[in-house]
């Protein structure tokens, strides 16, 4: 069934994740409704995360944090999105794709899931709200803060402080 230790570890991690989610009674929130294609089950020959594992990682980050920004450290639109959340004092999690070992694969997963490959990809309360300009526009229209206030307390990760980012793995 499993062709490598890495696949077994991934499977066990996914099972643990869903066990925790089920216990927290957040399963409806975790179910991904915006997927277009989940990718394949084959692992890349370069040894990184498979396309399915990348989708699962994105889903996990989005389900565990009220606000998640998939970003690149040099992107001005990414800085724009982060500045909006800093301005309103909202906690958010940042995954800097250009500093993550599987950043390219994660960006491909985001493209499959959201229909856009550009960064930033900003998620609030489990839904992709778009990029930097979309985030700024929602804030200017007074619609961003109400979205953040709707976050489910059981699915917001403790300690995902402002500007906290996923380190390269």
C-alpha atoms as a PDB file:
ATOM      1  CA  UNK A   1       0.000   0.000   0.000  1.00  0.00           C
ATOM      2  CA  UNK A   2       2.758   2.477   0.951  1.00  0.00           C
ATOM      3  CA  UNK A   3       5.822   2.602  -1.259  1.00  0.00           C
ATOM      4  CA  UNK A   4       8.023   4.543   1.130  1.00  0.00           C
ATOM      5  CA  UNK A   5       8.393   5.580   4.722  1.00  0.00           C
ATOM      6  CA  UNK A   6       7.665   9.173   3.673  1.00  0.00           C
ATOM      7  CA  UNK A   7       4.268   8.166   2.246  1.00  0.00           C
ATOM      8  CA  UNK A   8       3.436   6.285   5.460  1.00  0.00           C
ATOM      9  CA  UNK A   9       4.464   9.281   7.575  1.00  0.00           C
ATOM     10  CA  UNK A  10       2.320  11.565   5.418  1.00  0.00           C
ATOM     11  CA  UNK A  11      -0.651   9.236   5.740  1.00  0.00           C
ATOM     12  CA  UNK A  12      -0.267   9.084   9.530  1.00  0.00           C
ATOM     13  CA  UNK A  13       0.023  12.874   9.725  1.00  0.00           C
ATOM     14  CA  UNK A  14      -3.185  13.289   7.718  1.00  0.00           C
ATOM     15  CA  UNK A  15      -4.985  10.759   9.942  1.00  0.00           C
ATOM     16  CA  UNK A  16      -3.792  12.585  13.065  1.00  0.00           C
ATOM     17  CA  UNK A  17      -4.912  15.900  11.615  1.00  0.00           C
ATOM     18  CA  UNK A  18      -8.414  14.656  10.903  1.00  0.00           C
ATOM     19  CA  UNK A  19      -8.632  13.026  14.342  1.00  0.00           C
ATOM     20  CA  UNK A  20      -7.790  16.350  15.982  1.00  0.00           C
ATOM     21  CA  UNK A  21     -10.229  18.215  13.758  1.00  0.00           C
ATOM     22  CA  UNK A  22     -13.032  15.753  14.449  1.00  0.00           C
ATOM     23  CA  UNK A  23     -12.453  16.077  18.193  1.00  0.00           C
ATOM     24  CA  UNK A  24     -12.583  19.872  17.883  1.00  0.00           C
ATOM     25  CA  UNK A  25     -15.907  19.560  16.033  1.00  0.00           C
ATOM     26  CA  UNK A  26     -14.589  21.670  13.181  1.00  0.00           C
ATOM     27  CA  UNK A  27     -14.901  19.133  10.389  1.00  0.00           C
ATOM     28  CA  UNK A  28     -17.379  21.215   8.362  1.00  0.00           C
ATOM     29  CA  UNK A  29     -14.891  24.089   8.402  1.00  0.00           C
ATOM     30  CA  UNK A  30     -12.026  21.899   7.184  1.00  0.00           C
ATOM     31  CA  UNK A  31     -13.819  20.389   4.230  1.00  0.00           C
ATOM     32  CA  UNK A  32     -12.438  22.149   1.173  1.00  0.00           C
ATOM     33  CA  UNK A  33     -15.155  23.402  -1.130  1.00  0.00           C
ATOM     34  CA  UNK A  34     -13.118  25.365  -3.630  1.00  0.00           C
ATOM     35  CA  UNK A  35     -10.921  22.631  -5.065  1.00  0.00           C
ATOM     36  CA  UNK A  36     -10.847  22.171  -8.765  1.00  0.00           C
ATOM     37  CA  UNK A  37      -8.447  19.258  -8.865  1.00  0.00           C
ATOM     38  CA  UNK A  38      -6.659  17.529  -6.054  1.00  0.00           C
ATOM     39  CA  UNK A  39      -3.562  16.496  -7.999  1.00  0.00           C
ATOM     40  CA  UNK A  40      -2.112  13.034  -8.307  1.00  0.00           C
ATOM     41  CA  UNK A  41      -0.796  10.583  -5.760  1.00  0.00           C
ATOM     42  CA  UNK A  42       2.666  10.211  -7.234  1.00  0.00           C
ATOM     43  CA  UNK A  43       5.627  11.768  -5.542  1.00  0.00           C
ATOM     44  CA  UNK A  44       7.967  14.093  -7.377  1.00  0.00           C
ATOM     45  CA  UNK A  45      11.278  12.661  -8.473  1.00  0.00           C
ATOM     46  CA  UNK A  46      13.104  15.515  -6.703  1.00  0.00           C
ATOM     47  CA  UNK A  47      12.091  14.157  -3.311  1.00  0.00           C
ATOM     48  CA  UNK A  48       9.855  16.961  -2.041  1.00  0.00           C
ATOM     49  CA  UNK A  49       6.201  16.881  -1.095  1.00  0.00           C
ATOM     50  CA  UNK A  50       3.815  15.310  -3.581  1.00  0.00           C
ATOM     51  CA  UNK A  51       1.139  17.442  -5.164  1.00  0.00           C
ATOM     52  CA  UNK A  52      -1.467  15.835  -2.883  1.00  0.00           C
ATOM     53  CA  UNK A  53       0.664  16.513   0.194  1.00  0.00           C
ATOM     54  CA  UNK A  54       1.015  20.162  -0.866  1.00  0.00           C
ATOM     55  CA  UNK A  55      -2.752  20.524  -1.201  1.00  0.00           C
ATOM     56  CA  UNK A  56      -3.152  18.913   2.222  1.00  0.00           C
ATOM     57  CA  UNK A  57      -0.558  21.263   3.729  1.00  0.00           C
ATOM     58  CA  UNK A  58      -2.349  24.304   2.294  1.00  0.00           C
ATOM     59  CA  UNK A  59      -5.689  23.016   3.592  1.00  0.00           C
ATOM     60  CA  UNK A  60      -4.192  22.398   7.024  1.00  0.00           C
ATOM     61  CA  UNK A  61      -2.705  25.904   7.238  1.00  0.00           C
ATOM     62  CA  UNK A  62      -5.971  27.479   6.093  1.00  0.00           C
ATOM     63  CA  UNK A  63      -8.117  25.429   8.481  1.00  0.00           C
ATOM     64  CA  UNK A  64      -5.881  26.074  11.498  1.00  0.00           C
ATOM     65  CA  UNK A  65      -5.490  29.838  11.068  1.00  0.00           C
ATOM     66  CA  UNK A  66      -8.027  32.598  10.613  1.00  0.00           C
ATOM     67  CA  UNK A  67      -5.794  34.521   8.198  1.00  0.00           C
ATOM     68  CA  UNK A  68      -3.117  32.914   6.019  1.00  0.00           C
ATOM     69  CA  UNK A  69      -1.011  34.702   3.425  1.00  0.00           C
ATOM     70  CA  UNK A  70       0.918  32.641   0.891  1.00  0.00           C
ATOM     71  CA  UNK A  71       3.573  35.143  -0.040  1.00  0.00           C
ATOM     72  CA  UNK A  72       6.992  35.796  -1.522  1.00  0.00           C
ATOM     73  CA  UNK A  73       9.359  37.925   0.521  1.00  0.00           C
ATOM     74  CA  UNK A  74      10.236  40.315  -2.327  1.00  0.00           C
ATOM     75  CA  UNK A  75       6.723  40.812  -3.718  1.00  0.00           C
ATOM     76  CA  UNK A  76       5.261  44.333  -3.308  1.00  0.00           C
ATOM     77  CA  UNK A  77       1.667  43.026  -3.486  1.00  0.00           C
ATOM     78  CA  UNK A  78       2.470  40.576  -0.698  1.00  0.00           C
ATOM     79  CA  UNK A  79       3.827  43.450   1.413  1.00  0.00           C
ATOM     80  CA  UNK A  80       0.612  45.355   0.630  1.00  0.00           C
ATOM     81  CA  UNK A  81      -1.528  42.503   1.979  1.00  0.00           C
ATOM     82  CA  UNK A  82       0.612  42.116   5.133  1.00  0.00           C
ATOM     83  CA  UNK A  83       0.470  45.877   5.727  1.00  0.00           C
ATOM     84  CA  UNK A  84      -3.348  45.805   5.622  1.00  0.00           C
ATOM     85  CA  UNK A  85      -3.441  43.152   8.369  1.00  0.00           C
ATOM     86  CA  UNK A  86      -0.749  44.988  10.367  1.00  0.00           C
ATOM     87  CA  UNK A  87      -2.780  48.190  10.069  1.00  0.00           C
ATOM     88  CA  UNK A  88      -5.894  46.608  11.540  1.00  0.00           C
ATOM     89  CA  UNK A  89      -3.902  44.639  14.123  1.00  0.00           C
ATOM     90  CA  UNK A  90      -5.014  41.207  12.938  1.00  0.00           C
ATOM     91  CA  UNK A  91      -2.966  38.087  13.566  1.00  0.00           C
ATOM     92  CA  UNK A  92      -1.990  36.201  10.453  1.00  0.00           C
ATOM     93  CA  UNK A  93       0.233  33.355   9.339  1.00  0.00           C
ATOM     94  CA  UNK A  94       2.600  33.887   6.435  1.00  0.00           C
ATOM     95  CA  UNK A  95       4.113  31.140   4.331  1.00  0.00           C
ATOM     96  CA  UNK A  96       6.944  32.662   2.317  1.00  0.00           C
ATOM     97  CA  UNK A  97       6.980  30.455  -0.764  1.00  0.00           C
ATOM     98  CA  UNK A  98      10.397  31.676  -1.925  1.00  0.00           C
ATOM     99  CA  UNK A  99      11.911  30.561   1.389  1.00  0.00           C
ATOM    100  CA  UNK A 100      10.111  27.211   1.637  1.00  0.00           C
ATOM    101  CA  UNK A 101      11.734  24.068   0.206  1.00  0.00           C
ATOM    102  CA  UNK A 102       8.435  23.091  -1.455  1.00  0.00           C
ATOM    103  CA  UNK A 103       7.428  26.652  -2.359  1.00  0.00           C
ATOM    104  CA  UNK A 104       7.033  25.983  -6.087  1.00  0.00           C
ATOM    105  CA  UNK A 105       4.880  22.909  -5.451  1.00  0.00           C
ATOM    106  CA  UNK A 106       2.800  24.819  -2.887  1.00  0.00           C
ATOM    107  CA  UNK A 107       2.257  27.581  -5.439  1.00  0.00           C
ATOM    108  CA  UNK A 108       1.123  24.980  -7.981  1.00  0.00           C
ATOM    109  CA  UNK A 109      -1.295  23.554  -5.394  1.00  0.00           C
ATOM    110  CA  UNK A 110      -2.638  27.053  -4.725  1.00  0.00           C
ATOM    111  CA  UNK A 111      -3.172  27.523  -8.462  1.00  0.00           C
ATOM    112  CA  UNK A 112      -5.151  24.266  -8.624  1.00  0.00           C
ATOM    113  CA  UNK A 113      -7.195  25.199  -5.569  1.00  0.00           C
ATOM    114  CA  UNK A 114      -7.919  28.865  -6.255  1.00  0.00           C
ATOM    115  CA  UNK A 115      -7.583  29.209 -10.024  1.00  0.00           C
ATOM    116  CA  UNK A 116      -4.801  31.805  -9.674  1.00  0.00           C
ATOM    117  CA  UNK A 117      -1.066  31.239  -9.518  1.00  0.00           C
ATOM    118  CA  UNK A 118      -0.076  34.766  -8.489  1.00  0.00           C
ATOM    119  CA  UNK A 119       0.948  35.753  -4.979  1.00  0.00           C
ATOM    120  CA  UNK A 120      -0.146  36.675  -2.517  1.00  0.00           C
ATOM    121  CA  UNK A 121      -2.989  34.212  -2.070  1.00  0.00           C
ATOM    122  CA  UNK A 122      -4.838  35.439   0.996  1.00  0.00           C
ATOM    123  CA  UNK A 123      -7.240  33.224   2.938  1.00  0.00           C
ATOM    124  CA  UNK A 124      -9.609  34.495   5.615  1.00  0.00           C
ATOM    125  CA  UNK A 125     -11.795  32.147   7.618  1.00  0.00           C
ATOM    126  CA  UNK A 126     -11.141  29.275   5.224  1.00  0.00           C
ATOM    127  CA  UNK A 127     -11.861  31.135   1.975  1.00  0.00           C
ATOM    128  CA  UNK A 128      -9.486  32.652  -0.544  1.00  0.00           C
ATOM    129  CA  UNK A 129     -10.213  36.374  -0.799  1.00  0.00           C
ATOM    130  CA  UNK A 130      -7.687  36.940  -3.596  1.00  0.00           C
ATOM    131  CA  UNK A 131      -4.428  38.858  -3.699  1.00  0.00           C
ATOM    132  CA  UNK A 132      -2.930  42.047  -2.316  1.00  0.00           C
ATOM    133  CA  UNK A 133      -5.152  44.461  -4.254  1.00  0.00           C
ATOM    134  CA  UNK A 134      -8.269  42.434  -3.378  1.00  0.00           C
ATOM    135  CA  UNK A 135      -7.312  42.474   0.307  1.00  0.00           C
ATOM    136  CA  UNK A 136      -6.710  46.228   0.292  1.00  0.00           C
ATOM    137  CA  UNK A 137      -9.989  46.846  -1.536  1.00  0.00           C
ATOM    138  CA  UNK A 138     -11.981  44.711   0.932  1.00  0.00           C
ATOM    139  CA  UNK A 139     -10.416  46.683   3.780  1.00  0.00           C
ATOM    140  CA  UNK A 140     -11.203  50.035   2.148  1.00  0.00           C
ATOM    141  CA  UNK A 141     -14.820  48.903   1.668  1.00  0.00           C
ATOM    142  CA  UNK A 142     -15.046  47.943   5.344  1.00  0.00           C
ATOM    143  CA  UNK A 143     -15.618  44.266   4.479  1.00  0.00           C
ATOM    144  CA  UNK A 144     -12.352  42.705   5.676  1.00  0.00           C
ATOM    145  CA  UNK A 145     -12.706  43.120   9.434  1.00  0.00           C
ATOM    146  CA  UNK A 146     -16.172  41.499   9.510  1.00  0.00           C
ATOM    147  CA  UNK A 147     -14.704  38.471   7.688  1.00  0.00           C
ATOM    148  CA  UNK A 148     -11.965  38.179  10.306  1.00  0.00           C
ATOM    149  CA  UNK A 149     -14.464  38.535  13.138  1.00  0.00           C
ATOM    150  CA  UNK A 150     -16.384  35.521  11.776  1.00  0.00           C
ATOM    151  CA  UNK A 151     -13.430  33.174  12.334  1.00  0.00           C
ATOM    152  CA  UNK A 152     -14.324  30.051  14.267  1.00  0.00           C
ATOM    153  CA  UNK A 153     -12.478  30.062  17.592  1.00  0.00           C
ATOM    154  CA  UNK A 154     -11.963  26.282  17.509  1.00  0.00           C
ATOM    155  CA  UNK A 155     -10.045  26.447  14.249  1.00  0.00           C
ATOM    156  CA  UNK A 156      -7.844  29.463  14.914  1.00  0.00           C
ATOM    157  CA  UNK A 157      -4.410  28.232  15.953  1.00  0.00           C
ATOM    158  CA  UNK A 158      -3.058  29.671  19.146  1.00  0.00           C
ATOM    159  CA  UNK A 159       0.196  31.464  18.762  1.00  0.00           C
ATOM    160  CA  UNK A 160      -0.201  32.332  15.081  1.00  0.00           C
ATOM    161  CA  UNK A 161       0.934  35.829  15.815  1.00  0.00           C
ATOM    162  CA  UNK A 162       1.179  38.765  13.501  1.00  0.00           C
ATOM    163  CA  UNK A 163       3.646  38.091  10.767  1.00  0.00           C
ATOM    164  CA  UNK A 164       4.452  34.556  11.935  1.00  0.00           C
ATOM    165  CA  UNK A 165       5.755  32.582   8.995  1.00  0.00           C
ATOM    166  CA  UNK A 166       6.400  28.954   8.197  1.00  0.00           C
ATOM    167  CA  UNK A 167      10.141  28.364   8.101  1.00  0.00           C
ATOM    168  CA  UNK A 168      11.818  26.561   5.234  1.00  0.00           C
ATOM    169  CA  UNK A 169      11.674  22.798   5.623  1.00  0.00           C
END
